Amino acid sequence: MITEATPAEYSIAAQIHAVAQAAYTLEAERIGCAEFPPLRESLDELRQSSDSFLVFQQSGSIIGALSFDSSSDPVAITRLVVSPAHLRQGIATALLSDLEQRLSSATCLSVSTAQTNTPAVILYQRLGYTTAGISKSSEGIPLLHLSKSK
């Protein structure tokens, strides 16, 4: 079940943070980056985020989360994480589809991921995202910027 969530609530933030840490640890290994910036986000920083959040819950536990900044144009997806124990079950696809349904038809979306994060790149491309650019993070991680017009 997908619902909106408020990370200011400690129990919600703690679950999102735990899923994010597990997912980003796996991504850091996948892309070969020991100092992966998302792993440095503290629980307090997450709780203070101004992003909007959608969470995927199963049996009362959060196993996936998507955050986005709807104040920007295009709407920026800032985080998409799924518990490693629940990968390849359609959770990320469901979260992205739910986000699109909540936004107006004229909305454009943007997202960035490590260029070598093949599973994420394939997911976004399968859902209609196209390459909008390539850059490097301040840590030297090659980033792929993708966008989608609804």
N, C-alpha and C. Protein backbone atom coordinates (compact mmCIF):
# COMPACT_ATOMS: atom_id res chain seq x y z
N MET A 1 0.84 -1.17 0.00
CA MET A 1 0.00 0.00 0.00
C MET A 1 0.89 1.25 0.00
N ILE A 2 0.56 2.20 -0.86
CA ILE A 2 1.33 3.45 -0.95
C ILE A 2 0.53 4.57 -0.31
N THR A 3 1.19 5.32 0.56
CA THR A 3 0.56 6.46 1.22
C THR A 3 1.54 7.62 1.29
N GLU A 4 1.00 8.81 1.53
CA GLU A 4 1.86 9.96 1.79
C GLU A 4 2.38 9.81 3.22
N ALA A 5 3.57 10.32 3.46
CA ALA A 5 4.17 10.21 4.78
C ALA A 5 4.83 11.52 5.15
N THR A 6 4.96 11.73 6.45
CA THR A 6 5.62 12.92 6.98
C THR A 6 6.85 12.49 7.76
N PRO A 7 8.05 12.76 7.23
CA PRO A 7 9.25 12.31 7.94
C PRO A 7 9.50 13.04 9.25
N ALA A 8 8.76 14.11 9.52
CA ALA A 8 8.91 14.79 10.81
C ALA A 8 8.48 13.86 11.95
N GLU A 9 7.61 12.90 11.64
CA GLU A 9 7.21 11.90 12.64
C GLU A 9 8.36 10.93 12.81
N TYR A 10 8.85 10.81 14.02
CA TYR A 10 10.07 10.03 14.27
C TYR A 10 9.96 8.60 13.77
N SER A 11 8.87 7.91 14.07
CA SER A 11 8.77 6.49 13.68
C SER A 11 8.78 6.32 12.17
N ILE A 12 8.15 7.25 11.45
CA ILE A 12 8.15 7.20 9.98
C ILE A 12 9.56 7.47 9.47
N ALA A 13 10.18 8.52 9.98
CA ALA A 13 11.53 8.88 9.54
C ALA A 13 12.52 7.76 9.83
N ALA A 14 12.40 7.12 10.97
CA ALA A 14 13.33 6.04 11.32
C ALA A 14 13.22 4.88 10.34
N GLN A 15 12.00 4.55 9.93
CA GLN A 15 11.81 3.47 8.97
C GLN A 15 12.35 3.86 7.59
N ILE A 16 12.04 5.08 7.14
CA ILE A 16 12.55 5.54 5.84
C ILE A 16 14.07 5.56 5.86
N HIS A 17 14.65 6.07 6.94
CA HIS A 17 16.10 6.16 7.07
C HIS A 17 16.74 4.77 7.02
N ALA A 18 16.16 3.80 7.70
CA ALA A 18 16.71 2.44 7.71
C ALA A 18 16.67 1.84 6.30
N VAL A 19 15.56 2.03 5.60
CA VAL A 19 15.46 1.52 4.22
C VAL A 19 16.47 2.23 3.33
N ALA A 20 16.58 3.54 3.47
CA ALA A 20 17.51 4.31 2.65
C ALA A 20 18.96 3.88 2.91
N GLN A 21 19.32 3.69 4.15
CA GLN A 21 20.69 3.29 4.47
C GLN A 21 21.02 1.93 3.85
N ALA A 22 20.08 0.99 3.94
CA ALA A 22 20.30 -0.34 3.35
C ALA A 22 20.39 -0.25 1.83
N ALA A 23 19.48 0.51 1.22
CA ALA A 23 19.46 0.64 -0.23
C ALA A 23 20.70 1.38 -0.74
N TYR A 24 21.08 2.45 -0.06
CA TYR A 24 22.24 3.22 -0.51
C TYR A 24 23.56 2.48 -0.25
N THR A 25 23.61 1.63 0.76
CA THR A 25 24.79 0.79 0.98
C THR A 25 24.98 -0.14 -0.21
N LEU A 26 23.88 -0.75 -0.66
CA LEU A 26 23.94 -1.63 -1.83
C LEU A 26 24.34 -0.84 -3.08
N GLU A 27 23.78 0.36 -3.24
CA GLU A 27 24.12 1.17 -4.41
C GLU A 27 25.59 1.59 -4.36
N ALA A 28 26.07 1.97 -3.19
CA ALA A 28 27.47 2.37 -3.06
C ALA A 28 28.40 1.24 -3.48
N GLU A 29 28.06 0.01 -3.08
CA GLU A 29 28.85 -1.15 -3.50
C GLU A 29 28.76 -1.34 -5.01
N ARG A 30 27.55 -1.20 -5.55
CA ARG A 30 27.31 -1.41 -6.98
C ARG A 30 28.12 -0.43 -7.83
N ILE A 31 28.20 0.82 -7.39
CA ILE A 31 28.89 1.83 -8.20
C ILE A 31 30.34 2.04 -7.77
N GLY A 32 30.78 1.34 -6.72
CA GLY A 32 32.16 1.45 -6.28
C GLY A 32 32.50 2.76 -5.63
N CYS A 33 31.62 3.25 -4.78
CA CYS A 33 31.85 4.54 -4.11
C CYS A 33 31.71 4.37 -2.60
N ALA A 34 32.83 4.27 -1.92
CA ALA A 34 32.82 4.06 -0.47
C ALA A 34 32.23 5.25 0.29
N GLU A 35 32.41 6.45 -0.22
CA GLU A 35 31.92 7.67 0.44
C GLU A 35 30.68 8.20 -0.26
N PHE A 36 29.68 7.36 -0.43
CA PHE A 36 28.47 7.72 -1.17
C PHE A 36 27.67 8.76 -0.38
N PRO A 37 27.48 9.95 -0.94
CA PRO A 37 26.86 11.06 -0.20
C PRO A 37 25.52 10.74 0.49
N PRO A 38 24.58 10.02 -0.13
CA PRO A 38 23.32 9.77 0.57
C PRO A 38 23.48 8.99 1.88
N LEU A 39 24.57 8.26 2.03
CA LEU A 39 24.80 7.52 3.27
C LEU A 39 25.15 8.43 4.43
N ARG A 40 25.50 9.67 4.14
CA ARG A 40 25.84 10.62 5.20
C ARG A 40 24.62 11.32 5.78
N GLU A 41 23.45 11.16 5.15
CA GLU A 41 22.25 11.84 5.67
C GLU A 41 21.86 11.24 7.02
N SER A 42 21.75 12.11 8.02
CA SER A 42 21.37 11.66 9.36
C SER A 42 19.85 11.57 9.47
N LEU A 43 19.40 10.89 10.49
CA LEU A 43 17.97 10.80 10.76
C LEU A 43 17.38 12.19 10.99
N ASP A 44 18.10 13.04 11.71
CA ASP A 44 17.61 14.41 11.95
C ASP A 44 17.50 15.20 10.65
N GLU A 45 18.48 15.05 9.75
CA GLU A 45 18.40 15.74 8.46
C GLU A 45 17.19 15.26 7.66
N LEU A 46 16.95 13.96 7.68
CA LEU A 46 15.79 13.41 6.99
C LEU A 46 14.50 13.98 7.58
N ARG A 47 14.43 14.05 8.88
CA ARG A 47 13.22 14.57 9.56
C ARG A 47 12.95 16.03 9.21
N GLN A 48 13.99 16.77 8.87
CA GLN A 48 13.84 18.19 8.54
C GLN A 48 13.65 18.45 7.05
N SER A 49 13.60 17.39 6.27
CA SER A 49 13.46 17.55 4.82
C SER A 49 12.15 18.25 4.46
N SER A 50 12.23 19.13 3.48
CA SER A 50 11.04 19.82 2.99
C SER A 50 10.39 19.06 1.83
N ASP A 51 11.00 17.94 1.44
CA ASP A 51 10.45 17.13 0.36
C ASP A 51 9.11 16.51 0.77
N SER A 52 8.34 16.12 -0.23
CA SER A 52 7.13 15.33 -0.01
C SER A 52 7.54 13.87 -0.13
N PHE A 53 6.87 13.01 0.63
CA PHE A 53 7.24 11.59 0.66
C PHE A 53 6.05 10.70 0.38
N LEU A 54 6.33 9.63 -0.39
CA LEU A 54 5.40 8.53 -0.58
C LEU A 54 6.11 7.29 -0.03
N VAL A 55 5.38 6.45 0.67
CA VAL A 55 5.98 5.23 1.19
C VAL A 55 5.17 4.01 0.78
N PHE A 56 5.86 2.93 0.57
CA PHE A 56 5.26 1.65 0.24
C PHE A 56 5.35 0.80 1.50
N GLN A 57 4.19 0.43 2.03
CA GLN A 57 4.17 -0.36 3.25
C GLN A 57 3.67 -1.77 2.97
N GLN A 58 4.25 -2.70 3.71
CA GLN A 58 3.83 -4.09 3.64
C GLN A 58 3.79 -4.61 5.07
N SER A 59 2.67 -5.14 5.48
CA SER A 59 2.49 -5.65 6.85
C SER A 59 2.87 -4.60 7.89
N GLY A 60 2.52 -3.33 7.61
CA GLY A 60 2.76 -2.25 8.56
C GLY A 60 4.17 -1.69 8.58
N SER A 61 5.06 -2.22 7.75
CA SER A 61 6.43 -1.72 7.71
C SER A 61 6.72 -1.05 6.38
N ILE A 62 7.49 0.03 6.42
CA ILE A 62 7.91 0.72 5.21
C ILE A 62 9.03 -0.08 4.56
N ILE A 63 8.82 -0.46 3.28
CA ILE A 63 9.86 -1.21 2.57
C ILE A 63 10.32 -0.47 1.31
N GLY A 64 9.71 0.69 1.05
CA GLY A 64 10.12 1.52 -0.08
C GLY A 64 9.69 2.95 0.16
N ALA A 65 10.44 3.89 -0.40
CA ALA A 65 10.09 5.30 -0.23
C ALA A 65 10.55 6.10 -1.44
N LEU A 66 9.79 7.12 -1.75
CA LEU A 66 10.11 8.05 -2.82
C LEU A 66 9.89 9.44 -2.25
N SER A 67 10.84 10.33 -2.46
CA SER A 67 10.65 11.72 -2.07
C SER A 67 10.81 12.59 -3.30
N PHE A 68 10.14 13.75 -3.26
CA PHE A 68 10.20 14.64 -4.40
C PHE A 68 10.00 16.08 -3.96
N ASP A 69 10.50 16.97 -4.79
CA ASP A 69 10.38 18.41 -4.56
C ASP A 69 9.44 18.95 -5.63
N SER A 70 8.21 19.22 -5.22
CA SER A 70 7.21 19.70 -6.18
C SER A 70 7.26 21.22 -6.34
N SER A 71 8.16 21.87 -5.60
CA SER A 71 8.28 23.32 -5.76
C SER A 71 9.18 23.68 -6.94
N SER A 72 9.84 22.68 -7.49
CA SER A 72 10.71 22.93 -8.63
C SER A 72 10.00 22.56 -9.93
N ASP A 73 10.48 23.11 -11.03
CA ASP A 73 9.96 22.76 -12.34
C ASP A 73 11.14 22.39 -13.21
N PRO A 74 11.32 21.16 -13.57
CA PRO A 74 10.40 20.04 -13.35
C PRO A 74 10.40 19.55 -11.90
N VAL A 75 9.38 18.76 -11.55
CA VAL A 75 9.32 18.15 -10.23
C VAL A 75 10.53 17.21 -10.12
N ALA A 76 11.32 17.39 -9.08
CA ALA A 76 12.55 16.61 -8.92
C ALA A 76 12.33 15.44 -7.96
N ILE A 77 12.59 14.25 -8.46
CA ILE A 77 12.59 13.07 -7.59
C ILE A 77 13.92 13.09 -6.87
N THR A 78 13.88 13.17 -5.55
CA THR A 78 15.09 13.34 -4.77
C THR A 78 15.59 12.05 -4.11
N ARG A 79 14.72 11.04 -4.07
CA ARG A 79 15.10 9.78 -3.44
C ARG A 79 14.12 8.71 -3.88
N LEU A 80 14.63 7.56 -4.24
CA LEU A 80 13.81 6.39 -4.53
C LEU A 80 14.58 5.20 -3.98
N VAL A 81 14.07 4.64 -2.90
CA VAL A 81 14.78 3.55 -2.22
C VAL A 81 13.81 2.40 -1.95
N VAL A 82 14.35 1.19 -2.07
CA VAL A 82 13.61 -0.02 -1.76
C VAL A 82 14.50 -0.92 -0.92
N SER A 83 13.93 -1.52 0.09
CA SER A 83 14.68 -2.45 0.93
C SER A 83 15.31 -3.52 0.05
N PRO A 84 16.61 -3.79 0.22
CA PRO A 84 17.25 -4.81 -0.61
C PRO A 84 16.56 -6.18 -0.56
N ALA A 85 15.89 -6.47 0.54
CA ALA A 85 15.17 -7.75 0.66
C ALA A 85 13.92 -7.80 -0.22
N HIS A 86 13.52 -6.64 -0.76
CA HIS A 86 12.29 -6.57 -1.53
C HIS A 86 12.51 -6.06 -2.96
N LEU A 87 13.74 -6.15 -3.45
CA LEU A 87 14.03 -5.71 -4.81
C LEU A 87 13.35 -6.62 -5.83
N ARG A 88 13.12 -6.06 -7.01
CA ARG A 88 12.56 -6.80 -8.15
C ARG A 88 11.14 -7.30 -7.89
N GLN A 89 10.40 -6.55 -7.07
CA GLN A 89 9.01 -6.90 -6.79
C GLN A 89 8.04 -5.82 -7.29
N GLY A 90 8.56 -4.85 -8.05
CA GLY A 90 7.70 -3.81 -8.60
C GLY A 90 7.42 -2.64 -7.67
N ILE A 91 8.13 -2.56 -6.57
CA ILE A 91 7.88 -1.49 -5.58
C ILE A 91 8.31 -0.13 -6.12
N ALA A 92 9.49 -0.03 -6.70
CA ALA A 92 9.94 1.25 -7.26
C ALA A 92 9.02 1.69 -8.40
N THR A 93 8.63 0.76 -9.25
CA THR A 93 7.70 1.08 -10.34
C THR A 93 6.38 1.58 -9.78
N ALA A 94 5.87 0.93 -8.74
CA ALA A 94 4.60 1.35 -8.14
C ALA A 94 4.71 2.75 -7.53
N LEU A 95 5.82 3.04 -6.87
CA LEU A 95 6.01 4.37 -6.28
C LEU A 95 6.07 5.45 -7.36
N LEU A 96 6.81 5.19 -8.43
CA LEU A 96 6.91 6.16 -9.53
C LEU A 96 5.55 6.36 -10.21
N SER A 97 4.83 5.29 -10.42
CA SER A 97 3.50 5.38 -11.06
C SER A 97 2.54 6.15 -10.17
N ASP A 98 2.59 5.90 -8.87
CA ASP A 98 1.72 6.61 -7.93
C ASP A 98 2.02 8.11 -7.95
N LEU A 99 3.30 8.46 -7.98
CA LEU A 99 3.68 9.87 -8.05
C LEU A 99 3.09 10.51 -9.30
N GLU A 100 3.24 9.85 -10.44
CA GLU A 100 2.73 10.41 -11.69
C GLU A 100 1.22 10.62 -11.63
N GLN A 101 0.50 9.71 -11.01
CA GLN A 101 -0.95 9.83 -10.90
C GLN A 101 -1.36 11.01 -10.02
N ARG A 102 -0.52 11.37 -9.07
CA ARG A 102 -0.83 12.47 -8.15
C ARG A 102 -0.56 13.85 -8.78
N LEU A 103 0.23 13.88 -9.85
CA LEU A 103 0.62 15.15 -10.46
C LEU A 103 -0.25 15.45 -11.67
N SER A 104 -0.31 16.72 -12.02
CA SER A 104 -1.11 17.10 -13.19
C SER A 104 -0.47 16.55 -14.46
N SER A 105 -1.27 16.45 -15.50
CA SER A 105 -0.78 15.87 -16.75
C SER A 105 0.28 16.73 -17.43
N ALA A 106 0.38 17.99 -17.06
CA ALA A 106 1.36 18.87 -17.69
C ALA A 106 2.71 18.86 -16.96
N THR A 107 2.80 18.07 -15.91
CA THR A 107 4.00 18.06 -15.09
C THR A 107 5.14 17.29 -15.75
N CYS A 108 6.34 17.87 -15.64
CA CYS A 108 7.55 17.17 -16.06
C CYS A 108 8.28 16.70 -14.81
N LEU A 109 8.97 15.58 -14.93
CA LEU A 109 9.71 15.00 -13.82
C LEU A 109 11.19 14.93 -14.16
N SER A 110 12.04 15.05 -13.15
CA SER A 110 13.47 14.87 -13.36
C SER A 110 14.03 14.01 -12.23
N VAL A 111 15.10 13.31 -12.55
CA VAL A 111 15.77 12.46 -11.55
C VAL A 111 17.22 12.31 -11.98
N SER A 112 18.09 12.12 -11.01
CA SER A 112 19.50 11.86 -11.29
C SER A 112 19.91 10.59 -10.56
N THR A 113 20.79 9.82 -11.19
CA THR A 113 21.31 8.61 -10.57
C THR A 113 22.74 8.41 -11.06
N ALA A 114 23.46 7.59 -10.35
CA ALA A 114 24.81 7.28 -10.80
C ALA A 114 24.72 6.61 -12.17
N GLN A 115 25.56 7.04 -13.07
CA GLN A 115 25.54 6.52 -14.44
C GLN A 115 25.76 5.01 -14.46
N THR A 116 26.48 4.49 -13.48
CA THR A 116 26.77 3.06 -13.43
C THR A 116 25.76 2.28 -12.59
N ASN A 117 24.71 2.93 -12.13
CA ASN A 117 23.65 2.24 -11.38
C ASN A 117 22.68 1.65 -12.40
N THR A 118 23.12 0.60 -13.05
CA THR A 118 22.39 0.01 -14.17
C THR A 118 20.93 -0.33 -13.85
N PRO A 119 20.63 -0.96 -12.70
CA PRO A 119 19.22 -1.27 -12.44
C PRO A 119 18.32 -0.03 -12.41
N ALA A 120 18.81 1.06 -11.81
CA ALA A 120 18.02 2.29 -11.76
C ALA A 120 17.86 2.90 -13.15
N VAL A 121 18.95 2.94 -13.92
CA VAL A 121 18.89 3.51 -15.27
C VAL A 121 17.89 2.73 -16.12
N ILE A 122 17.95 1.41 -16.05
CA ILE A 122 17.01 0.58 -16.82
C ILE A 122 15.58 0.83 -16.39
N LEU A 123 15.34 0.93 -15.09
CA LEU A 123 13.99 1.20 -14.58
C LEU A 123 13.46 2.51 -15.14
N TYR A 124 14.22 3.58 -15.00
CA TYR A 124 13.75 4.88 -15.47
C TYR A 124 13.51 4.87 -16.98
N GLN A 125 14.42 4.28 -17.72
CA GLN A 125 14.25 4.24 -19.18
C GLN A 125 13.02 3.42 -19.56
N ARG A 126 12.79 2.32 -18.86
CA ARG A 126 11.62 1.48 -19.14
C ARG A 126 10.32 2.25 -18.89
N LEU A 127 10.36 3.19 -17.95
CA LEU A 127 9.17 3.98 -17.62
C LEU A 127 9.06 5.27 -18.43
N GLY A 128 9.92 5.43 -19.44
CA GLY A 128 9.78 6.57 -20.34
C GLY A 128 10.67 7.76 -20.06
N TYR A 129 11.59 7.64 -19.12
CA TYR A 129 12.52 8.73 -18.85
C TYR A 129 13.62 8.70 -19.92
N THR A 130 14.05 9.89 -20.33
CA THR A 130 15.09 10.00 -21.33
C THR A 130 16.26 10.80 -20.76
N THR A 131 17.42 10.59 -21.34
CA THR A 131 18.62 11.28 -20.86
C THR A 131 18.52 12.77 -21.14
N ALA A 132 18.72 13.55 -20.08
CA ALA A 132 18.69 15.01 -20.21
C ALA A 132 20.09 15.59 -20.08
N GLY A 133 21.04 14.79 -19.58
CA GLY A 133 22.40 15.29 -19.44
C GLY A 133 23.24 14.36 -18.59
N ILE A 134 24.52 14.67 -18.56
CA ILE A 134 25.49 13.90 -17.78
C ILE A 134 26.37 14.92 -17.07
N SER A 135 26.73 14.61 -15.82
CA SER A 135 27.63 15.48 -15.07
C SER A 135 28.40 14.62 -14.08
N LYS A 136 29.22 15.27 -13.26
CA LYS A 136 29.93 14.59 -12.18
C LYS A 136 29.58 15.27 -10.87
N SER A 137 29.37 14.46 -9.84
CA SER A 137 29.14 15.03 -8.51
C SER A 137 30.45 15.59 -7.98
N SER A 138 30.38 16.33 -6.89
CA SER A 138 31.60 16.89 -6.30
C SER A 138 32.54 15.78 -5.82
N GLU A 139 31.99 14.57 -5.60
CA GLU A 139 32.80 13.42 -5.20
C GLU A 139 33.38 12.69 -6.41
N GLY A 140 33.03 13.14 -7.61
CA GLY A 140 33.54 12.52 -8.83
C GLY A 140 32.68 11.40 -9.38
N ILE A 141 31.46 11.25 -8.86
CA ILE A 141 30.56 10.20 -9.34
C ILE A 141 29.91 10.67 -10.65
N PRO A 142 30.06 9.90 -11.73
CA PRO A 142 29.38 10.26 -12.98
C PRO A 142 27.86 10.11 -12.79
N LEU A 143 27.14 11.18 -13.04
CA LEU A 143 25.69 11.20 -12.84
C LEU A 143 24.97 11.28 -14.17
N LEU A 144 23.87 10.54 -14.26
CA LEU A 144 22.99 10.59 -15.42
C LEU A 144 21.73 11.32 -14.99
N HIS A 145 21.38 12.37 -15.72
CA HIS A 145 20.18 13.15 -15.43
C HIS A 145 19.12 12.73 -16.42
N LEU A 146 17.95 12.38 -15.92
CA LEU A 146 16.87 11.89 -16.76
C LEU A 146 15.63 12.74 -16.55
N SER A 147 14.77 12.80 -17.56
CA SER A 147 13.54 13.57 -17.43
C SER A 147 12.41 12.84 -18.14
N LYS A 148 11.20 13.23 -17.77
CA LYS A 148 10.02 12.64 -18.38
C LYS A 148 8.92 13.68 -18.39
N SER A 149 8.28 13.82 -19.56
CA SER A 149 7.10 14.66 -19.67
C SER A 149 5.90 13.74 -19.65
N LYS A 150 4.93 14.09 -18.86
CA LYS A 150 3.74 13.23 -18.76
C LYS A 150 2.82 13.42 -19.94
